[in-house]
Amino acid sequence: MDSIILLGIKHCGKSTQGKLLSKHFGCPFFDTDDEVTALTGKSPREIYTEQGKDAFLEAEKNACQALAEKIGAEKCIIATGGGICNNQPALDALHKIGKFIFLNSDEETACNRIIREIQYEADGSMKNLPAYIAKENPSDITDVRKIFHNFYIERQKIYKSLSDIEIKLEHSASKQENLQKILETL
């Protein structure tokens, strides 16, 4: 078994399914966002917010290169951040050690998970949004959905072009049912 590197939009289930796959195969699980934090002492969101996109891309690349070196020939499961599809050096580091599996979640489910995490300030403004939504200054949930829709369509094309295998997750299925679907596809 090659290492399995999970790609997909934020909140598609990469970490959840990655942990389940790790348990099933009896191999280590890694999350590239956790690796960024371990290397830098800051979360990906903190780096992006405080230092900008380029600093984040560099930190993500460095984390993926360090992870690939640490893993070597060991088989493992890796969940990537949703934006890794725009970081070719990070992708190159990981693709050397495994196969890219695109966990294709439906738009509504992924968007609802983002909306669930929104926090509201006293003035009614929204926080805890992904940077690509926050920078558009949405005024309400309808705006969030519109911004997410355009982003989702663009990202789907990118993930499909990068992946070795695409697996359509069912939003009405349980975590275990989606795990079975992944295992059958692999």
Protein backbone atom coordinates (compact mmCIF):
# COMPACT_ATOMS: atom_id res chain seq x y z
CA MET A 1 0.00 0.00 0.00
CA ASP A 2 1.26 3.47 -0.89
CA SER A 3 0.58 6.22 1.58
CA ILE A 4 -2.85 7.75 1.12
CA ILE A 5 -2.98 11.53 0.83
CA LEU A 6 -6.46 12.94 1.17
CA LEU A 7 -7.43 16.05 -0.81
CA GLY A 8 -10.70 17.97 -0.76
CA ILE A 9 -12.51 21.12 0.20
CA LYS A 10 -12.47 22.32 3.80
CA HIS A 11 -14.88 20.26 5.89
CA CYS A 12 -15.25 17.42 3.40
CA GLY A 13 -14.16 14.84 5.98
CA LYS A 14 -10.43 14.43 5.30
CA SER A 15 -9.40 14.30 8.97
CA THR A 16 -12.34 12.17 10.06
CA GLN A 17 -11.88 9.63 7.27
CA GLY A 18 -8.10 9.82 7.59
CA LYS A 19 -8.25 8.75 11.23
CA LEU A 20 -10.65 5.93 10.37
CA LEU A 21 -8.40 4.75 7.51
CA SER A 22 -5.37 4.92 9.81
CA LYS A 23 -7.11 2.70 12.33
CA HIS A 24 -8.29 0.29 9.62
CA PHE A 25 -4.83 -0.11 8.08
CA GLY A 26 -2.95 0.09 11.39
CA CYS A 27 -0.70 2.89 10.19
CA PRO A 28 0.06 6.43 11.37
CA PHE A 29 -2.19 9.41 10.62
CA PHE A 30 -0.88 12.91 9.96
CA ASP A 31 -2.63 16.21 9.26
CA THR A 32 -0.61 18.76 7.31
CA ASP A 33 -2.22 21.62 9.27
CA ASP A 34 -0.96 20.02 12.51
CA GLU A 35 2.49 19.68 10.95
CA VAL A 36 2.48 23.40 10.06
CA THR A 37 1.60 24.22 13.68
CA ALA A 38 4.26 21.89 15.05
CA LEU A 39 6.95 23.49 12.86
CA THR A 40 5.96 27.13 13.32
CA GLY A 41 4.14 27.31 16.63
CA LYS A 42 1.22 28.97 14.84
CA SER A 43 -1.92 27.61 13.22
CA PRO A 44 -2.28 27.92 9.45
CA ARG A 45 -5.01 30.52 9.97
CA GLU A 46 -2.75 32.57 12.27
CA ILE A 47 0.09 32.50 9.74
CA TYR A 48 -2.22 33.46 6.88
CA THR A 49 -3.86 36.27 8.87
CA GLU A 50 -0.70 37.69 10.47
CA GLN A 51 1.89 37.13 7.74
CA GLY A 52 -0.05 36.66 4.52
CA LYS A 53 -0.60 34.06 1.87
CA ASP A 54 3.04 33.69 0.79
CA ALA A 55 4.21 33.01 4.35
CA PHE A 56 1.50 30.40 4.75
CA LEU A 57 2.37 28.68 1.45
CA GLU A 58 6.03 28.55 2.52
CA ALA A 59 5.12 27.10 5.93
CA GLU A 60 2.85 24.50 4.32
CA LYS A 61 5.56 23.52 1.81
CA ASN A 62 8.14 23.20 4.60
CA ALA A 63 5.77 21.11 6.70
CA CYS A 64 4.99 18.76 3.80
CA GLN A 65 8.68 18.35 2.94
CA ALA A 66 9.52 17.62 6.58
CA LEU A 67 6.61 15.17 6.81
CA ALA A 68 7.70 13.34 3.63
CA GLU A 69 11.25 13.05 4.99
CA LYS A 70 9.99 11.84 8.37
CA ILE A 71 7.74 9.22 6.78
CA GLY A 72 10.18 7.95 4.18
CA ALA A 73 8.99 4.56 2.98
CA GLU A 74 6.58 4.10 5.91
CA LYS A 75 2.96 3.82 4.86
CA CYS A 76 0.56 6.32 6.42
CA ILE A 77 -2.58 8.37 5.93
CA ILE A 78 -2.28 12.13 5.45
CA ALA A 79 -5.08 14.69 5.56
CA THR A 80 -4.17 17.91 3.77
CA GLY A 81 -5.47 21.42 4.20
CA GLY A 82 -8.15 22.41 1.69
CA GLY A 83 -5.91 24.96 0.00
CA ILE A 84 -2.97 22.66 -0.67
CA CYS A 85 -4.23 22.34 -4.24
CA ASN A 86 -2.70 25.79 -4.88
CA ASN A 87 0.71 24.89 -3.42
CA GLN A 88 2.59 22.88 -6.03
CA PRO A 89 5.81 22.47 -4.01
CA ALA A 90 3.82 21.02 -1.08
CA LEU A 91 1.94 18.71 -3.45
CA ASP A 92 5.19 17.58 -5.06
CA ALA A 93 6.67 16.68 -1.67
CA LEU A 94 3.66 14.54 -0.76
CA HIS A 95 3.01 12.94 -4.12
CA LYS A 96 6.46 11.29 -3.95
CA ILE A 97 5.27 9.17 -1.02
CA GLY A 98 1.71 8.29 -1.96
CA LYS A 99 -1.45 8.58 -3.97
CA PHE A 100 -3.79 11.57 -3.98
CA ILE A 101 -7.35 10.61 -3.07
CA PHE A 102 -9.96 13.32 -3.67
CA LEU A 103 -12.77 13.09 -1.13
CA ASN A 104 -15.53 14.77 -3.10
CA SER A 105 -18.16 16.13 -0.72
CA ASP A 106 -21.33 17.79 -1.93
CA GLU A 107 -21.44 21.57 -1.83
CA GLU A 108 -24.30 21.91 0.64
CA THR A 109 -22.72 19.68 3.28
CA ALA A 110 -19.34 21.43 3.10
CA CYS A 111 -20.94 24.88 3.21
CA ASN A 112 -23.20 23.96 6.12
CA ARG A 113 -20.14 22.86 8.10
CA ILE A 114 -18.49 26.24 7.47
CA ILE A 115 -21.67 28.08 8.47
CA ARG A 116 -21.91 26.02 11.65
CA GLU A 117 -18.54 27.43 12.79
CA ILE A 118 -19.41 31.10 12.22
CA GLN A 119 -19.21 33.26 15.31
CA TYR A 120 -20.96 36.62 15.49
CA GLU A 121 -19.54 39.80 16.98
CA ALA A 122 -21.70 42.21 19.01
CA ASP A 123 -22.08 44.39 15.90
CA GLY A 124 -23.43 41.39 13.93
CA SER A 125 -20.29 40.89 11.86
CA MET A 126 -19.13 37.33 11.25
CA LYS A 127 -15.81 35.82 12.30
CA ASN A 128 -14.21 32.37 12.14
CA LEU A 129 -14.76 32.22 8.39
CA PRO A 130 -12.21 30.77 5.97
CA ALA A 131 -9.98 33.57 4.64
CA TYR A 132 -11.33 33.31 1.08
CA ILE A 133 -14.85 34.04 2.39
CA ALA A 134 -13.86 36.60 5.04
CA LYS A 135 -12.00 38.75 2.52
CA GLU A 136 -15.26 39.20 0.58
CA ASN A 137 -16.93 40.70 3.69
CA PRO A 138 -20.19 38.75 3.54
CA SER A 139 -23.09 40.50 5.22
CA ASP A 140 -25.18 37.40 5.84
CA ILE A 141 -25.42 33.64 5.36
CA THR A 142 -26.77 34.08 1.83
CA ASP A 143 -23.58 35.94 0.93
CA VAL A 144 -21.48 33.20 2.53
CA ARG A 145 -23.26 30.57 0.41
CA LYS A 146 -22.76 32.59 -2.81
CA ILE A 147 -19.06 33.12 -2.14
CA PHE A 148 -18.62 29.46 -1.21
CA HIS A 149 -20.46 28.31 -4.36
CA ASN A 150 -18.04 30.03 -6.72
CA PHE A 151 -15.07 28.81 -4.71
CA TYR A 152 -16.42 25.25 -4.59
CA ILE A 153 -16.87 25.06 -8.38
CA GLU A 154 -13.31 26.28 -8.97
CA ARG A 155 -11.78 23.94 -6.39
CA GLN A 156 -13.66 20.87 -7.65
CA LYS A 157 -11.94 21.23 -11.03
CA ILE A 158 -8.53 21.55 -9.40
CA TYR A 159 -8.96 18.57 -7.05
CA LYS A 160 -10.17 16.38 -9.92
CA SER A 161 -7.14 17.30 -12.03
CA LEU A 162 -4.71 16.49 -9.19
CA SER A 163 -6.20 13.28 -7.85
CA ASP A 164 -5.20 9.73 -8.62
CA ILE A 165 -8.59 8.53 -7.34
CA GLU A 166 -11.83 10.43 -6.74
CA ILE A 167 -14.36 9.19 -4.19
CA LYS A 168 -17.79 10.80 -3.96
CA LEU A 169 -18.82 10.92 -0.31
CA GLU A 170 -22.50 10.64 0.53
CA HIS A 171 -23.77 13.36 2.87
CA SER A 172 -26.57 11.14 4.13
CA ALA A 173 -24.19 8.27 4.89
CA SER A 174 -22.56 7.65 8.27
CA LYS A 175 -18.82 8.04 8.76
CA GLN A 176 -18.51 4.24 8.72
CA GLU A 177 -20.54 3.94 5.50
CA ASN A 178 -18.31 6.50 3.79
CA LEU A 179 -15.26 4.64 5.12
CA GLN A 180 -16.58 1.45 3.50
CA LYS A 181 -17.05 3.30 0.23
CA ILE A 182 -13.45 4.54 0.39
CA LEU A 183 -12.12 1.06 1.19
CA GLU A 184 -14.10 -0.49 -1.67
CA THR A 185 -12.80 2.13 -4.10
CA LEU A 186 -9.19 1.66 -2.97
